[in-house]
Amino acid sequence: MAELGVTLTKAKVSAGVKTSYLEMERSRALSELSRRMVGASQVVNASYQENGSEAKEARANMEAEMFRAERAYREAYGRLKELMGEH
């Protein structure tokens, strides 16, 4: 019975680590994509100066999304390290 408990615990931990790893990879990809989008907007902004507030607002929204994606990645990375026993 104890061996079955150990086996089940190992399976749960393994599934948790796998889920956390996949979440970390997904959030890393989103973070990278948002950084590229902000970079592209800077290039467009440099080549086409528009004084409208809509362009500034759109850029601010992209930057905010980039920071949210970066935070999600860092949180997922932290959860994965915690599950793996690293603090």
PDB file of N, CA and C in Angstrom:
ATOM      1  N   MET A   1       0.823  -1.183   0.000  1.00  0.00           N
ATOM      2  CA  MET A   1       0.000   0.000   0.000  1.00  0.00           C
ATOM      3  C   MET A   1       0.881   1.266   0.000  1.00  0.00           C
ATOM      4  N   ALA A   2       1.947   1.219   0.791  1.00  0.00           N
ATOM      5  CA  ALA A   2       2.858   2.360   0.851  1.00  0.00           C
ATOM      6  C   ALA A   2       3.542   2.588  -0.488  1.00  0.00           C
ATOM      7  N   GLU A   3       3.909   1.506  -1.145  1.00  0.00           N
ATOM      8  CA  GLU A   3       4.553   1.628  -2.455  1.00  0.00           C
ATOM      9  C   GLU A   3       3.609   2.262  -3.478  1.00  0.00           C
ATOM     10  N   LEU A   4       2.347   1.918  -3.412  1.00  0.00           N
ATOM     11  CA  LEU A   4       1.352   2.507  -4.300  1.00  0.00           C
ATOM     12  C   LEU A   4       1.217   4.008  -4.019  1.00  0.00           C
ATOM     13  N   GLY A   5       1.246   4.378  -2.741  1.00  0.00           N
ATOM     14  CA  GLY A   5       1.184   5.793  -2.362  1.00  0.00           C
ATOM     15  C   GLY A   5       2.371   6.571  -2.900  1.00  0.00           C
ATOM     16  N   VAL A   6       3.547   5.989  -2.817  1.00  0.00           N
ATOM     17  CA  VAL A   6       4.762   6.635  -3.325  1.00  0.00           C
ATOM     18  C   VAL A   6       4.670   6.783  -4.840  1.00  0.00           C
ATOM     19  N   THR A   7       4.212   5.738  -5.514  1.00  0.00           N
ATOM     20  CA  THR A   7       4.076   5.783  -6.969  1.00  0.00           C
ATOM     21  C   THR A   7       3.090   6.868  -7.386  1.00  0.00           C
ATOM     22  N   LEU A   8       1.960   6.961  -6.702  1.00  0.00           N
ATOM     23  CA  LEU A   8       0.970   7.988  -7.010  1.00  0.00           C
ATOM     24  C   LEU A   8       1.517   9.390  -6.757  1.00  0.00           C
ATOM     25  N   THR A   9       2.243   9.555  -5.676  1.00  0.00           N
ATOM     26  CA  THR A   9       2.835  10.858  -5.363  1.00  0.00           C
ATOM     27  C   THR A   9       3.843  11.254  -6.434  1.00  0.00           C
ATOM     28  N   LYS A  10       4.668  10.324  -6.851  1.00  0.00           N
ATOM     29  CA  LYS A  10       5.646  10.612  -7.904  1.00  0.00           C
ATOM     30  C   LYS A  10       4.939  11.018  -9.197  1.00  0.00           C
ATOM     31  N   ALA A  11       3.861  10.331  -9.524  1.00  0.00           N
ATOM     32  CA  ALA A  11       3.119  10.651 -10.746  1.00  0.00           C
ATOM     33  C   ALA A  11       2.504  12.044 -10.658  1.00  0.00           C
ATOM     34  N   LYS A  12       1.969  12.408  -9.495  1.00  0.00           N
ATOM     35  CA  LYS A  12       1.381  13.743  -9.321  1.00  0.00           C
ATOM     36  C   LYS A  12       2.440  14.828  -9.441  1.00  0.00           C
ATOM     37  N   VAL A  13       3.580  14.613  -8.811  1.00  0.00           N
ATOM     38  CA  VAL A  13       4.667  15.598  -8.875  1.00  0.00           C
ATOM     39  C   VAL A  13       5.164  15.724 -10.313  1.00  0.00           C
ATOM     40  N   SER A  14       5.324  14.607 -10.974  1.00  0.00           N
ATOM     41  CA  SER A  14       5.779  14.622 -12.358  1.00  0.00           C
ATOM     42  C   SER A  14       4.801  15.380 -13.254  1.00  0.00           C
ATOM     43  N   ALA A  15       3.520  15.149 -13.074  1.00  0.00           N
ATOM     44  CA  ALA A  15       2.510  15.857 -13.866  1.00  0.00           C
ATOM     45  C   ALA A  15       2.526  17.349 -13.558  1.00  0.00           C
ATOM     46  N   GLY A  16       2.716  17.699 -12.308  1.00  0.00           N
ATOM     47  CA  GLY A  16       2.789  19.115 -11.925  1.00  0.00           C
ATOM     48  C   GLY A  16       3.980  19.819 -12.543  1.00  0.00           C
ATOM     49  N   VAL A  17       5.119  19.150 -12.550  1.00  0.00           N
ATOM     50  CA  VAL A  17       6.324  19.726 -13.148  1.00  0.00           C
ATOM     51  C   VAL A  17       6.132  19.889 -14.657  1.00  0.00           C
ATOM     52  N   LYS A  18       5.556  18.882 -15.297  1.00  0.00           N
ATOM     53  CA  LYS A  18       5.335  18.958 -16.739  1.00  0.00           C
ATOM     54  C   LYS A  18       4.385  20.100 -17.078  1.00  0.00           C
ATOM     55  N   THR A  19       3.304  20.235 -16.322  1.00  0.00           N
ATOM     56  CA  THR A  19       2.345  21.319 -16.544  1.00  0.00           C
ATOM     57  C   THR A  19       3.009  22.673 -16.348  1.00  0.00           C
ATOM     58  N   SER A  20       3.790  22.818 -15.297  1.00  0.00           N
ATOM     59  CA  SER A  20       4.481  24.083 -15.036  1.00  0.00           C
ATOM     60  C   SER A  20       5.487  24.399 -16.132  1.00  0.00           C
ATOM     61  N   TYR A  21       6.188  23.383 -16.600  1.00  0.00           N
ATOM     62  CA  TYR A  21       7.158  23.597 -17.673  1.00  0.00           C
ATOM     63  C   TYR A  21       6.466  24.080 -18.945  1.00  0.00           C
ATOM     64  N   LEU A  22       5.369  23.438 -19.300  1.00  0.00           N
ATOM     65  CA  LEU A  22       4.643  23.845 -20.502  1.00  0.00           C
ATOM     66  C   LEU A  22       4.094  25.267 -20.358  1.00  0.00           C
ATOM     67  N   GLU A  23       3.609  25.614 -19.179  1.00  0.00           N
ATOM     68  CA  GLU A  23       3.118  26.977 -18.932  1.00  0.00           C
ATOM     69  C   GLU A  23       4.263  27.982 -19.043  1.00  0.00           C
ATOM     70  N   MET A  24       5.427  27.615 -18.510  1.00  0.00           N
ATOM     71  CA  MET A  24       6.582  28.503 -18.596  1.00  0.00           C
ATOM     72  C   MET A  24       6.982  28.720 -20.055  1.00  0.00           C
ATOM     73  N   GLU A  25       7.009  27.665 -20.843  1.00  0.00           N
ATOM     74  CA  GLU A  25       7.377  27.787 -22.246  1.00  0.00           C
ATOM     75  C   GLU A  25       6.363  28.631 -23.021  1.00  0.00           C
ATOM     76  N   ARG A  26       5.091  28.453 -22.722  1.00  0.00           N
ATOM     77  CA  ARG A  26       4.050  29.241 -23.383  1.00  0.00           C
ATOM     78  C   ARG A  26       4.200  30.716 -23.034  1.00  0.00           C
ATOM     79  N   SER A  27       4.407  31.008 -21.763  1.00  0.00           N
ATOM     80  CA  SER A  27       4.549  32.405 -21.356  1.00  0.00           C
ATOM     81  C   SER A  27       5.846  33.016 -21.869  1.00  0.00           C
ATOM     82  N   ARG A  28       6.900  32.211 -21.997  1.00  0.00           N
ATOM     83  CA  ARG A  28       8.156  32.704 -22.564  1.00  0.00           C
ATOM     84  C   ARG A  28       7.947  33.100 -24.025  1.00  0.00           C
ATOM     85  N   ALA A  29       7.226  32.266 -24.759  1.00  0.00           N
ATOM     86  CA  ALA A  29       6.962  32.572 -26.164  1.00  0.00           C
ATOM     87  C   ALA A  29       6.114  33.838 -26.297  1.00  0.00           C
ATOM     88  N   LEU A  30       5.119  33.999 -25.438  1.00  0.00           N
ATOM     89  CA  LEU A  30       4.299  35.213 -25.470  1.00  0.00           C
ATOM     90  C   LEU A  30       5.120  36.445 -25.112  1.00  0.00           C
ATOM     91  N   SER A  31       5.997  36.298 -24.147  1.00  0.00           N
ATOM     92  CA  SER A  31       6.854  37.408 -23.757  1.00  0.00           C
ATOM     93  C   SER A  31       7.768  37.817 -24.911  1.00  0.00           C
ATOM     94  N   GLU A  32       8.355  36.830 -25.563  1.00  0.00           N
ATOM     95  CA  GLU A  32       9.237  37.115 -26.695  1.00  0.00           C
ATOM     96  C   GLU A  32       8.461  37.783 -27.835  1.00  0.00           C
ATOM     97  N   LEU A  33       7.276  37.292 -28.115  1.00  0.00           N
ATOM     98  CA  LEU A  33       6.449  37.870 -29.168  1.00  0.00           C
ATOM     99  C   LEU A  33       6.085  39.315 -28.850  1.00  0.00           C
ATOM    100  N   SER A  34       5.720  39.575 -27.608  1.00  0.00           N
ATOM    101  CA  SER A  34       5.349  40.949 -27.260  1.00  0.00           C
ATOM    102  C   SER A  34       6.544  41.889 -27.347  1.00  0.00           C
ATOM    103  N   ARG A  35       7.725  41.414 -26.993  1.00  0.00           N
ATOM    104  CA  ARG A  35       8.939  42.237 -27.142  1.00  0.00           C
ATOM    105  C   ARG A  35       9.195  42.561 -28.611  1.00  0.00           C
ATOM    106  N   ARG A  36       8.997  41.575 -29.486  1.00  0.00           N
ATOM    107  CA  ARG A  36       9.194  41.815 -30.908  1.00  0.00           C
ATOM    108  C   ARG A  36       8.172  42.804 -31.451  1.00  0.00           C
ATOM    109  N   MET A  37       6.941  42.727 -30.947  1.00  0.00           N
ATOM    110  CA  MET A  37       5.910  43.657 -31.393  1.00  0.00           C
ATOM    111  C   MET A  37       6.243  45.090 -30.977  1.00  0.00           C
ATOM    112  N   VAL A  38       6.723  45.255 -29.751  1.00  0.00           N
ATOM    113  CA  VAL A  38       7.107  46.592 -29.296  1.00  0.00           C
ATOM    114  C   VAL A  38       8.287  47.100 -30.123  1.00  0.00           C
ATOM    115  N   GLY A  39       9.250  46.226 -30.398  1.00  0.00           N
ATOM    116  CA  GLY A  39      10.388  46.613 -31.234  1.00  0.00           C
ATOM    117  C   GLY A  39       9.949  47.032 -32.629  1.00  0.00           C
ATOM    118  N   ALA A  40       9.021  46.284 -33.202  1.00  0.00           N
ATOM    119  CA  ALA A  40       8.513  46.626 -34.531  1.00  0.00           C
ATOM    120  C   ALA A  40       7.774  47.955 -34.508  1.00  0.00           C
ATOM    121  N   SER A  41       7.046  48.212 -33.432  1.00  0.00           N
ATOM    122  CA  SER A  41       6.321  49.486 -33.349  1.00  0.00           C
ATOM    123  C   SER A  41       7.296  50.657 -33.257  1.00  0.00           C
ATOM    124  N   GLN A  42       8.454  50.437 -32.640  1.00  0.00           N
ATOM    125  CA  GLN A  42       9.455  51.493 -32.563  1.00  0.00           C
ATOM    126  C   GLN A  42      10.013  51.799 -33.952  1.00  0.00           C
ATOM    127  N   VAL A  43      10.223  50.770 -34.756  1.00  0.00           N
ATOM    128  CA  VAL A  43      10.716  50.973 -36.113  1.00  0.00           C
ATOM    129  C   VAL A  43       9.687  51.738 -36.936  1.00  0.00           C
ATOM    130  N   VAL A  44       8.437  51.323 -36.843  1.00  0.00           N
ATOM    131  CA  VAL A  44       7.367  52.005 -37.573  1.00  0.00           C
ATOM    132  C   VAL A  44       7.246  53.445 -37.099  1.00  0.00           C
ATOM    133  N   ASN A  45       7.318  53.636 -35.801  1.00  0.00           N
ATOM    134  CA  ASN A  45       7.210  54.974 -35.227  1.00  0.00           C
ATOM    135  C   ASN A  45       8.356  55.870 -35.698  1.00  0.00           C
ATOM    136  N   ALA A  46       9.552  55.302 -35.820  1.00  0.00           N
ATOM    137  CA  ALA A  46      10.702  56.090 -36.259  1.00  0.00           C
ATOM    138  C   ALA A  46      10.580  56.489 -37.725  1.00  0.00           C
ATOM    139  N   SER A  47       9.965  55.626 -38.520  1.00  0.00           N
ATOM    140  CA  SER A  47       9.862  55.929 -39.945  1.00  0.00           C
ATOM    141  C   SER A  47       8.607  56.728 -40.285  1.00  0.00           C
ATOM    142  N   TYR A  48       7.643  56.733 -39.394  1.00  0.00           N
ATOM    143  CA  TYR A  48       6.395  57.449 -39.658  1.00  0.00           C
ATOM    144  C   TYR A  48       5.948  58.124 -38.368  1.00  0.00           C
ATOM    145  N   GLN A  49       6.262  59.379 -38.239  1.00  0.00           N
ATOM    146  CA  GLN A  49       5.902  60.112 -37.029  1.00  0.00           C
ATOM    147  C   GLN A  49       4.465  60.617 -37.118  1.00  0.00           C
ATOM    148  N   GLU A  50       3.665  60.161 -36.196  1.00  0.00           N
ATOM    149  CA  GLU A  50       2.285  60.614 -36.124  1.00  0.00           C
ATOM    150  C   GLU A  50       2.095  61.264 -34.760  1.00  0.00           C
ATOM    151  N   ASN A  51       1.561  62.435 -34.744  1.00  0.00           N
ATOM    152  CA  ASN A  51       1.393  63.160 -33.498  1.00  0.00           C
ATOM    153  C   ASN A  51       0.095  62.814 -32.789  1.00  0.00           C
ATOM    154  N   GLY A  52      -0.705  61.937 -33.341  1.00  0.00           N
ATOM    155  CA  GLY A  52      -1.986  61.584 -32.750  1.00  0.00           C
ATOM    156  C   GLY A  52      -1.831  60.816 -31.462  1.00  0.00           C
ATOM    157  N   SER A  53      -2.785  60.994 -30.581  1.00  0.00           N
ATOM    158  CA  SER A  53      -2.743  60.297 -29.300  1.00  0.00           C
ATOM    159  C   SER A  53      -3.066  58.819 -29.445  1.00  0.00           C
ATOM    160  N   GLU A  54      -3.733  58.435 -30.532  1.00  0.00           N
ATOM    161  CA  GLU A  54      -4.065  57.020 -30.743  1.00  0.00           C
ATOM    162  C   GLU A  54      -2.813  56.172 -30.901  1.00  0.00           C
ATOM    163  N   ALA A  55      -1.827  56.674 -31.628  1.00  0.00           N
ATOM    164  CA  ALA A  55      -0.584  55.930 -31.827  1.00  0.00           C
ATOM    165  C   ALA A  55       0.157  55.774 -30.505  1.00  0.00           C
ATOM    166  N   LYS A  56       0.185  56.838 -29.707  1.00  0.00           N
ATOM    167  CA  LYS A  56       0.862  56.770 -28.410  1.00  0.00           C
ATOM    168  C   LYS A  56       0.139  55.810 -27.480  1.00  0.00           C
ATOM    169  N   GLU A  57      -1.180  55.840 -27.523  1.00  0.00           N
ATOM    170  CA  GLU A  57      -1.966  54.941 -26.676  1.00  0.00           C
ATOM    171  C   GLU A  57      -1.760  53.485 -27.082  1.00  0.00           C
ATOM    172  N   ALA A  58      -1.726  53.216 -28.369  1.00  0.00           N
ATOM    173  CA  ALA A  58      -1.516  51.854 -28.861  1.00  0.00           C
ATOM    174  C   ALA A  58      -0.143  51.344 -28.443  1.00  0.00           C
ATOM    175  N   ARG A  59       0.851  52.204 -28.546  1.00  0.00           N
ATOM    176  CA  ARG A  59       2.210  51.809 -28.148  1.00  0.00           C
ATOM    177  C   ARG A  59       2.283  51.541 -26.651  1.00  0.00           C
ATOM    178  N   ALA A  60       1.634  52.388 -25.852  1.00  0.00           N
ATOM    179  CA  ALA A  60       1.614  52.184 -24.404  1.00  0.00           C
ATOM    180  C   ALA A  60       0.921  50.868 -24.059  1.00  0.00           C
ATOM    181  N   ASN A  61      -0.152  50.548 -24.767  1.00  0.00           N
ATOM    182  CA  ASN A  61      -0.848  49.285 -24.533  1.00  0.00           C
ATOM    183  C   ASN A  61       0.033  48.090 -24.883  1.00  0.00           C
ATOM    184  N   MET A  62       0.787  48.188 -25.976  1.00  0.00           N
ATOM    185  CA  MET A  62       1.699  47.105 -26.355  1.00  0.00           C
ATOM    186  C   MET A  62       2.788  46.921 -25.304  1.00  0.00           C
ATOM    187  N   GLU A  63       3.319  48.030 -24.802  1.00  0.00           N
ATOM    188  CA  GLU A  63       4.361  47.927 -23.779  1.00  0.00           C
ATOM    189  C   GLU A  63       3.802  47.319 -22.497  1.00  0.00           C
ATOM    190  N   ALA A  64       2.581  47.707 -22.121  1.00  0.00           N
ATOM    191  CA  ALA A  64       1.958  47.132 -20.927  1.00  0.00           C
ATOM    192  C   ALA A  64       1.764  45.635 -21.104  1.00  0.00           C
ATOM    193  N   GLU A  65       1.339  45.216 -22.277  1.00  0.00           N
ATOM    194  CA  GLU A  65       1.154  43.790 -22.560  1.00  0.00           C
ATOM    195  C   GLU A  65       2.485  43.058 -22.512  1.00  0.00           C
ATOM    196  N   MET A  66       3.549  43.702 -22.981  1.00  0.00           N
ATOM    197  CA  MET A  66       4.872  43.104 -22.925  1.00  0.00           C
ATOM    198  C   MET A  66       5.280  42.853 -21.473  1.00  0.00           C
ATOM    199  N   PHE A  67       5.035  43.818 -20.604  1.00  0.00           N
ATOM    200  CA  PHE A  67       5.394  43.654 -19.194  1.00  0.00           C
ATOM    201  C   PHE A  67       4.540  42.584 -18.520  1.00  0.00           C
ATOM    202  N   ARG A  68       3.258  42.493 -18.888  1.00  0.00           N
ATOM    203  CA  ARG A  68       2.405  41.434 -18.335  1.00  0.00           C
ATOM    204  C   ARG A  68       2.900  40.060 -18.776  1.00  0.00           C
ATOM    205  N   ALA A  69       3.298  39.938 -20.023  1.00  0.00           N
ATOM    206  CA  ALA A  69       3.801  38.662 -20.531  1.00  0.00           C
ATOM    207  C   ALA A  69       5.112  38.288 -19.837  1.00  0.00           C
ATOM    208  N   GLU A  70       5.960  39.265 -19.619  1.00  0.00           N
ATOM    209  CA  GLU A  70       7.229  39.006 -18.922  1.00  0.00           C
ATOM    210  C   GLU A  70       6.969  38.557 -17.484  1.00  0.00           C
ATOM    211  N   ARG A  71       6.009  39.203 -16.821  1.00  0.00           N
ATOM    212  CA  ARG A  71       5.665  38.816 -15.443  1.00  0.00           C
ATOM    213  C   ARG A  71       5.110  37.398 -15.407  1.00  0.00           C
ATOM    214  N   ALA A  72       4.249  37.051 -16.358  1.00  0.00           N
ATOM    215  CA  ALA A  72       3.678  35.702 -16.408  1.00  0.00           C
ATOM    216  C   ALA A  72       4.779  34.668 -16.602  1.00  0.00           C
ATOM    217  N   TYR A  73       5.753  34.990 -17.449  1.00  0.00           N
ATOM    218  CA  TYR A  73       6.873  34.075 -17.664  1.00  0.00           C
ATOM    219  C   TYR A  73       7.668  33.884 -16.372  1.00  0.00           C
ATOM    220  N   ARG A  74       7.969  34.971 -15.701  1.00  0.00           N
ATOM    221  CA  ARG A  74       8.751  34.876 -14.460  1.00  0.00           C
ATOM    222  C   ARG A  74       8.005  34.104 -13.382  1.00  0.00           C
ATOM    223  N   GLU A  75       6.686  34.295 -13.304  1.00  0.00           N
ATOM    224  CA  GLU A  75       5.887  33.552 -12.325  1.00  0.00           C
ATOM    225  C   GLU A  75       5.883  32.060 -12.647  1.00  0.00           C
ATOM    226  N   ALA A  76       5.725  31.720 -13.913  1.00  0.00           N
ATOM    227  CA  ALA A  76       5.729  30.314 -14.317  1.00  0.00           C
ATOM    228  C   ALA A  76       7.094  29.684 -14.049  1.00  0.00           C
ATOM    229  N   TYR A  77       8.150  30.436 -14.319  1.00  0.00           N
ATOM    230  CA  TYR A  77       9.505  29.941 -14.055  1.00  0.00           C
ATOM    231  C   TYR A  77       9.703  29.700 -12.556  1.00  0.00           C
ATOM    232  N   GLY A  78       9.210  30.613 -11.744  1.00  0.00           N
ATOM    233  CA  GLY A  78       9.307  30.457 -10.293  1.00  0.00           C
ATOM    234  C   GLY A  78       8.542  29.241  -9.796  1.00  0.00           C
ATOM    235  N   ARG A  79       7.332  29.011 -10.337  1.00  0.00           N
ATOM    236  CA  ARG A  79       6.557  27.831  -9.942  1.00  0.00           C
ATOM    237  C   ARG A  79       7.286  26.548 -10.324  1.00  0.00           C
ATOM    238  N   LEU A  80       7.880  26.544 -11.501  1.00  0.00           N
ATOM    239  CA  LEU A  80       8.611  25.359 -11.938  1.00  0.00           C
ATOM    240  C   LEU A  80       9.804  25.097 -11.023  1.00  0.00           C
ATOM    241  N   LYS A  81      10.566  26.129 -10.700  1.00  0.00           N
ATOM    242  CA  LYS A  81      11.711  25.958  -9.795  1.00  0.00           C
ATOM    243  C   LYS A  81      11.263  25.460  -8.424  1.00  0.00           C
ATOM    244  N   GLU A  82      10.131  25.987  -7.951  1.00  0.00           N
ATOM    245  CA  GLU A  82       9.610  25.561  -6.657  1.00  0.00           C
ATOM    246  C   GLU A  82       9.229  24.083  -6.686  1.00  0.00           C
ATOM    247  N   LEU A  83       8.564  23.650  -7.744  1.00  0.00           N
ATOM    248  CA  LEU A  83       8.186  22.246  -7.857  1.00  0.00           C
ATOM    249  C   LEU A  83       9.392  21.330  -7.951  1.00  0.00           C
ATOM    250  N   MET A  84      10.474  21.842  -8.516  1.00  0.00           N
ATOM    251  CA  MET A  84      11.686  21.047  -8.659  1.00  0.00           C
ATOM    252  C   MET A  84      12.555  21.093  -7.411  1.00  0.00           C
ATOM    253  N   GLY A  85      12.099  21.842  -6.396  1.00  0.00           N
ATOM    254  CA  GLY A  85      12.836  21.892  -5.136  1.00  0.00           C
ATOM    255  C   GLY A  85      13.905  22.947  -5.080  1.00  0.00           C
ATOM    256  N   GLU A  86      13.945  23.847  -6.051  1.00  0.00           N
ATOM    257  CA  GLU A  86      14.905  24.952  -6.044  1.00  0.00           C
ATOM    258  C   GLU A  86      14.192  26.200  -5.556  1.00  0.00           C
ATOM    259  N   HIS A  87      14.818  26.953  -4.719  1.00  0.00           N
ATOM    260  CA  HIS A  87      14.159  28.170  -4.202  1.00  0.00           C
ATOM    261  C   HIS A  87      14.920  29.379  -4.598  1.00  0.00           C
TER     262      HIS A  87
END
